[in-house]
Amino acid sequence: MSAGRPSSTPAVLRVRWLPGTDVLLGTCHCGAEHECQDPVEMWDWMHAHPDHPTREEVPR
């Protein structure tokens, strides 16, 4: 159980499309953010919590 979040409350993961681009902006429930164009890459990044790769480690 995470501090400040009851076990019955689901984690919230958000993916937004940046209008006018092909870029997705993902925000994990821990506050980490990631930009990419590939939805599969975004999914993998989100599910890597808490070990999100840094922007430098993610191949573009």
PDB file of N, CA and C in Angstrom:
ATOM      1  N   MET A   1       0.853  -1.181   0.000  1.00  0.00           N
ATOM      2  CA  MET A   1       0.000   0.000   0.000  1.00  0.00           C
ATOM      3  C   MET A   1       0.895   1.240   0.000  1.00  0.00           C
ATOM      4  N   SER A   2       0.598   2.183  -0.863  1.00  0.00           N
ATOM      5  CA  SER A   2       1.349   3.432  -0.945  1.00  0.00           C
ATOM      6  C   SER A   2       0.871   4.411   0.110  1.00  0.00           C
ATOM      7  N   ALA A   3       1.798   5.201   0.615  1.00  0.00           N
ATOM      8  CA  ALA A   3       1.431   6.225   1.591  1.00  0.00           C
ATOM      9  C   ALA A   3       0.504   7.244   0.958  1.00  0.00           C
ATOM     10  N   GLY A   4      -0.569   7.581   1.634  1.00  0.00           N
ATOM     11  CA  GLY A   4      -1.475   8.610   1.148  1.00  0.00           C
ATOM     12  C   GLY A   4      -2.523   8.114   0.173  1.00  0.00           C
ATOM     13  N   ARG A   5      -2.496   6.819  -0.167  1.00  0.00           N
ATOM     14  CA  ARG A   5      -3.470   6.288  -1.110  1.00  0.00           C
ATOM     15  C   ARG A   5      -4.034   4.994  -0.544  1.00  0.00           C
ATOM     16  N   PRO A   6      -5.336   4.967  -0.210  1.00  0.00           N
ATOM     17  CA  PRO A   6      -5.931   3.742   0.313  1.00  0.00           C
ATOM     18  C   PRO A   6      -5.809   2.601  -0.689  1.00  0.00           C
ATOM     19  N   SER A   7      -5.703   1.379  -0.193  1.00  0.00           N
ATOM     20  CA  SER A   7      -5.526   0.220  -1.079  1.00  0.00           C
ATOM     21  C   SER A   7      -6.719   0.011  -2.004  1.00  0.00           C
ATOM     22  N   SER A   8      -7.897   0.515  -1.654  1.00  0.00           N
ATOM     23  CA  SER A   8      -9.074   0.339  -2.501  1.00  0.00           C
ATOM     24  C   SER A   8      -9.136   1.362  -3.640  1.00  0.00           C
ATOM     25  N   THR A   9      -8.270   2.367  -3.613  1.00  0.00           N
ATOM     26  CA  THR A   9      -8.263   3.386  -4.656  1.00  0.00           C
ATOM     27  C   THR A   9      -7.302   2.956  -5.765  1.00  0.00           C
ATOM     28  N   PRO A  10      -7.788   2.811  -6.995  1.00  0.00           N
ATOM     29  CA  PRO A  10      -6.907   2.371  -8.080  1.00  0.00           C
ATOM     30  C   PRO A  10      -5.901   3.458  -8.462  1.00  0.00           C
ATOM     31  N   ALA A  11      -4.750   3.018  -8.939  1.00  0.00           N
ATOM     32  CA  ALA A  11      -3.740   3.947  -9.434  1.00  0.00           C
ATOM     33  C   ALA A  11      -4.265   4.592 -10.710  1.00  0.00           C
ATOM     34  N   VAL A  12      -3.983   5.876 -10.887  1.00  0.00           N
ATOM     35  CA  VAL A  12      -4.452   6.590 -12.067  1.00  0.00           C
ATOM     36  C   VAL A  12      -3.273   6.844 -12.995  1.00  0.00           C
ATOM     37  N   LEU A  13      -3.391   6.348 -14.206  1.00  0.00           N
ATOM     38  CA  LEU A  13      -2.405   6.576 -15.251  1.00  0.00           C
ATOM     39  C   LEU A  13      -3.101   7.383 -16.336  1.00  0.00           C
ATOM     40  N   ARG A  14      -2.444   8.441 -16.796  1.00  0.00           N
ATOM     41  CA  ARG A  14      -3.073   9.296 -17.806  1.00  0.00           C
ATOM     42  C   ARG A  14      -2.194   9.375 -19.040  1.00  0.00           C
ATOM     43  N   VAL A  15      -2.828   9.321 -20.202  1.00  0.00           N
ATOM     44  CA  VAL A  15      -2.140   9.543 -21.469  1.00  0.00           C
ATOM     45  C   VAL A  15      -2.929  10.607 -22.210  1.00  0.00           C
ATOM     46  N   ARG A  16      -2.226  11.669 -22.576  1.00  0.00           N
ATOM     47  CA  ARG A  16      -2.854  12.751 -23.336  1.00  0.00           C
ATOM     48  C   ARG A  16      -2.184  12.843 -24.701  1.00  0.00           C
ATOM     49  N   TRP A  17      -2.971  13.161 -25.698  1.00  0.00           N
ATOM     50  CA  TRP A  17      -2.465  13.426 -27.035  1.00  0.00           C
ATOM     51  C   TRP A  17      -2.241  14.926 -27.124  1.00  0.00           C
ATOM     52  N   LEU A  18      -1.082  15.332 -27.598  1.00  0.00           N
ATOM     53  CA  LEU A  18      -0.792  16.752 -27.757  1.00  0.00           C
ATOM     54  C   LEU A  18      -1.304  17.188 -29.126  1.00  0.00           C
ATOM     55  N   PRO A  19      -2.393  17.951 -29.173  1.00  0.00           N
ATOM     56  CA  PRO A  19      -3.016  18.354 -30.431  1.00  0.00           C
ATOM     57  C   PRO A  19      -2.018  18.986 -31.407  1.00  0.00           C
ATOM     58  N   GLY A  20      -2.175  18.627 -32.662  1.00  0.00           N
ATOM     59  CA  GLY A  20      -1.308  19.163 -33.706  1.00  0.00           C
ATOM     60  C   GLY A  20      -0.004  18.396 -33.851  1.00  0.00           C
ATOM     61  N   THR A  21       0.152  17.323 -33.064  1.00  0.00           N
ATOM     62  CA  THR A  21       1.364  16.510 -33.127  1.00  0.00           C
ATOM     63  C   THR A  21       0.975  15.034 -33.119  1.00  0.00           C
ATOM     64  N   ASP A  22       1.978  14.180 -33.227  1.00  0.00           N
ATOM     65  CA  ASP A  22       1.785  12.741 -33.061  1.00  0.00           C
ATOM     66  C   ASP A  22       2.299  12.306 -31.693  1.00  0.00           C
ATOM     67  N   VAL A  23       2.444  13.246 -30.767  1.00  0.00           N
ATOM     68  CA  VAL A  23       3.076  12.990 -29.479  1.00  0.00           C
ATOM     69  C   VAL A  23       2.039  12.674 -28.408  1.00  0.00           C
ATOM     70  N   LEU A  24       2.356  11.637 -27.621  1.00  0.00           N
ATOM     71  CA  LEU A  24       1.561  11.273 -26.452  1.00  0.00           C
ATOM     72  C   LEU A  24       2.331  11.705 -25.217  1.00  0.00           C
ATOM     73  N   LEU A  25       1.625  12.223 -24.234  1.00  0.00           N
ATOM     74  CA  LEU A  25       2.231  12.607 -22.966  1.00  0.00           C
ATOM     75  C   LEU A  25       1.596  11.747 -21.885  1.00  0.00           C
ATOM     76  N   GLY A  26       2.403  10.882 -21.281  1.00  0.00           N
ATOM     77  CA  GLY A  26       1.913   9.996 -20.233  1.00  0.00           C
ATOM     78  C   GLY A  26       2.313  10.515 -18.870  1.00  0.00           C
ATOM     79  N   THR A  27       1.403  10.383 -17.914  1.00  0.00           N
ATOM     80  CA  THR A  27       1.680  10.755 -16.532  1.00  0.00           C
ATOM     81  C   THR A  27       1.326   9.568 -15.655  1.00  0.00           C
ATOM     82  N   CYS A  28       2.311   9.101 -14.904  1.00  0.00           N
ATOM     83  CA  CYS A  28       2.115   7.992 -13.983  1.00  0.00           C
ATOM     84  C   CYS A  28       1.494   8.525 -12.687  1.00  0.00           C
ATOM     85  N   HIS A  29       0.898   7.655 -11.911  1.00  0.00           N
ATOM     86  CA  HIS A  29       0.316   8.076 -10.631  1.00  0.00           C
ATOM     87  C   HIS A  29       1.373   8.592  -9.671  1.00  0.00           C
ATOM     88  N   CYS A  30       2.664   8.282  -9.927  1.00  0.00           N
ATOM     89  CA  CYS A  30       3.733   8.787  -9.061  1.00  0.00           C
ATOM     90  C   CYS A  30       4.189  10.183  -9.481  1.00  0.00           C
ATOM     91  N   GLY A  31       3.662  10.694 -10.606  1.00  0.00           N
ATOM     92  CA  GLY A  31       4.013  12.032 -11.064  1.00  0.00           C
ATOM     93  C   GLY A  31       5.037  12.062 -12.178  1.00  0.00           C
ATOM     94  N   ALA A  32       5.682  10.928 -12.481  1.00  0.00           N
ATOM     95  CA  ALA A  32       6.651  10.875 -13.571  1.00  0.00           C
ATOM     96  C   ALA A  32       5.928  11.084 -14.899  1.00  0.00           C
ATOM     97  N   GLU A  33       6.596  11.751 -15.845  1.00  0.00           N
ATOM     98  CA  GLU A  33       6.010  12.006 -17.168  1.00  0.00           C
ATOM     99  C   GLU A  33       6.927  11.481 -18.256  1.00  0.00           C
ATOM    100  N   HIS A  34       6.323  11.157 -19.391  1.00  0.00           N
ATOM    101  CA  HIS A  34       7.067  10.621 -20.533  1.00  0.00           C
ATOM    102  C   HIS A  34       6.358  11.035 -21.810  1.00  0.00           C
ATOM    103  N   GLU A  35       7.128  11.442 -22.825  1.00  0.00           N
ATOM    104  CA  GLU A  35       6.583  11.772 -24.143  1.00  0.00           C
ATOM    105  C   GLU A  35       7.097  10.774 -25.155  1.00  0.00           C
ATOM    106  N   CYS A  36       6.215  10.331 -26.045  1.00  0.00           N
ATOM    107  CA  CYS A  36       6.619   9.452 -27.138  1.00  0.00           C
ATOM    108  C   CYS A  36       5.512   9.445 -28.191  1.00  0.00           C
ATOM    109  N   GLN A  37       5.795   8.808 -29.324  1.00  0.00           N
ATOM    110  CA  GLN A  37       4.800   8.706 -30.389  1.00  0.00           C
ATOM    111  C   GLN A  37       4.193   7.315 -30.472  1.00  0.00           C
ATOM    112  N   ASP A  38       4.807   6.354 -29.829  1.00  0.00           N
ATOM    113  CA  ASP A  38       4.384   4.956 -29.922  1.00  0.00           C
ATOM    114  C   ASP A  38       3.539   4.558 -28.709  1.00  0.00           C
ATOM    115  N   PRO A  39       2.278   4.184 -28.918  1.00  0.00           N
ATOM    116  CA  PRO A  39       1.413   3.802 -27.800  1.00  0.00           C
ATOM    117  C   PRO A  39       1.942   2.582 -27.030  1.00  0.00           C
ATOM    118  N   VAL A  40       2.599   1.650 -27.723  1.00  0.00           N
ATOM    119  CA  VAL A  40       3.149   0.473 -27.047  1.00  0.00           C
ATOM    120  C   VAL A  40       4.294   0.889 -26.127  1.00  0.00           C
ATOM    121  N   GLU A  41       5.141   1.794 -26.593  1.00  0.00           N
ATOM    122  CA  GLU A  41       6.222   2.314 -25.754  1.00  0.00           C
ATOM    123  C   GLU A  41       5.647   2.983 -24.508  1.00  0.00           C
ATOM    124  N   MET A  42       4.558   3.735 -24.689  1.00  0.00           N
ATOM    125  CA  MET A  42       3.925   4.411 -23.555  1.00  0.00           C
ATOM    126  C   MET A  42       3.399   3.384 -22.553  1.00  0.00           C
ATOM    127  N   TRP A  43       2.737   2.355 -23.041  1.00  0.00           N
ATOM    128  CA  TRP A  43       2.186   1.301 -22.191  1.00  0.00           C
ATOM    129  C   TRP A  43       3.307   0.638 -21.388  1.00  0.00           C
ATOM    130  N   ASP A  44       4.413   0.290 -22.070  1.00  0.00           N
ATOM    131  CA  ASP A  44       5.548  -0.342 -21.398  1.00  0.00           C
ATOM    132  C   ASP A  44       6.136   0.583 -20.340  1.00  0.00           C
ATOM    133  N   TRP A  45       6.248   1.866 -20.661  1.00  0.00           N
ATOM    134  CA  TRP A  45       6.795   2.839 -19.717  1.00  0.00           C
ATOM    135  C   TRP A  45       5.917   2.937 -18.472  1.00  0.00           C
ATOM    136  N   MET A  46       4.605   3.013 -18.686  1.00  0.00           N
ATOM    137  CA  MET A  46       3.682   3.130 -17.556  1.00  0.00           C
ATOM    138  C   MET A  46       3.771   1.923 -16.635  1.00  0.00           C
ATOM    139  N   HIS A  47       3.865   0.739 -17.218  1.00  0.00           N
ATOM    140  CA  HIS A  47       3.887  -0.480 -16.419  1.00  0.00           C
ATOM    141  C   HIS A  47       5.259  -0.771 -15.823  1.00  0.00           C
ATOM    142  N   ALA A  48       6.243   0.065 -16.104  1.00  0.00           N
ATOM    143  CA  ALA A  48       7.572  -0.090 -15.513  1.00  0.00           C
ATOM    144  C   ALA A  48       7.643   0.550 -14.126  1.00  0.00           C
ATOM    145  N   HIS A  49       6.564   1.180 -13.660  1.00  0.00           N
ATOM    146  CA  HIS A  49       6.552   1.827 -12.343  1.00  0.00           C
ATOM    147  C   HIS A  49       6.962   0.827 -11.276  1.00  0.00           C
ATOM    148  N   PRO A  50       7.823   1.169 -10.363  1.00  0.00           N
ATOM    149  CA  PRO A  50       8.401   2.476 -10.101  1.00  0.00           C
ATOM    150  C   PRO A  50       9.735   2.705 -10.808  1.00  0.00           C
ATOM    151  N   ASP A  51      10.135   1.784 -11.668  1.00  0.00           N
ATOM    152  CA  ASP A  51      11.436   1.873 -12.329  1.00  0.00           C
ATOM    153  C   ASP A  51      11.317   2.438 -13.743  1.00  0.00           C
ATOM    154  N   HIS A  52      10.673   3.598 -13.870  1.00  0.00           N
ATOM    155  CA  HIS A  52      10.539   4.214 -15.182  1.00  0.00           C
ATOM    156  C   HIS A  52      11.916   4.513 -15.746  1.00  0.00           C
ATOM    157  N   PRO A  53      12.166   4.115 -16.992  1.00  0.00           N
ATOM    158  CA  PRO A  53      13.431   4.523 -17.596  1.00  0.00           C
ATOM    159  C   PRO A  53      13.446   6.036 -17.771  1.00  0.00           C
ATOM    160  N   THR A  54      14.607   6.632 -17.652  1.00  0.00           N
ATOM    161  CA  THR A  54      14.707   8.069 -17.886  1.00  0.00           C
ATOM    162  C   THR A  54      14.617   8.333 -19.369  1.00  0.00           C
ATOM    163  N   ARG A  55      14.398   9.565 -19.741  1.00  0.00           N
ATOM    164  CA  ARG A  55      14.264   9.949 -21.134  1.00  0.00           C
ATOM    165  C   ARG A  55      15.514   9.514 -21.943  1.00  0.00           C
ATOM    166  N   GLU A  56      16.713   9.579 -21.327  1.00  0.00           N
ATOM    167  CA  GLU A  56      17.935   9.209 -22.024  1.00  0.00           C
ATOM    168  C   GLU A  56      18.014   7.701 -22.291  1.00  0.00           C
ATOM    169  N   GLU A  57      17.359   6.899 -21.439  1.00  0.00           N
ATOM    170  CA  GLU A  57      17.414   5.445 -21.582  1.00  0.00           C
ATOM    171  C   GLU A  57      16.400   4.908 -22.581  1.00  0.00           C
ATOM    172  N   VAL A  58      15.392   5.694 -22.927  1.00  0.00           N
ATOM    173  CA  VAL A  58      14.338   5.238 -23.824  1.00  0.00           C
ATOM    174  C   VAL A  58      14.757   5.533 -25.259  1.00  0.00           C
ATOM    175  N   PRO A  59      14.858   4.486 -26.108  1.00  0.00           N
ATOM    176  CA  PRO A  59      15.235   4.733 -27.509  1.00  0.00           C
ATOM    177  C   PRO A  59      14.145   5.515 -28.223  1.00  0.00           C
ATOM    178  N   ARG A  60      14.521   6.444 -29.046  1.00  0.00           N
ATOM    179  CA  ARG A  60      13.563   7.265 -29.807  1.00  0.00           C
ATOM    180  C   ARG A  60      13.535   6.823 -31.226  1.00  0.00           C
TER     181      ARG A  60
END
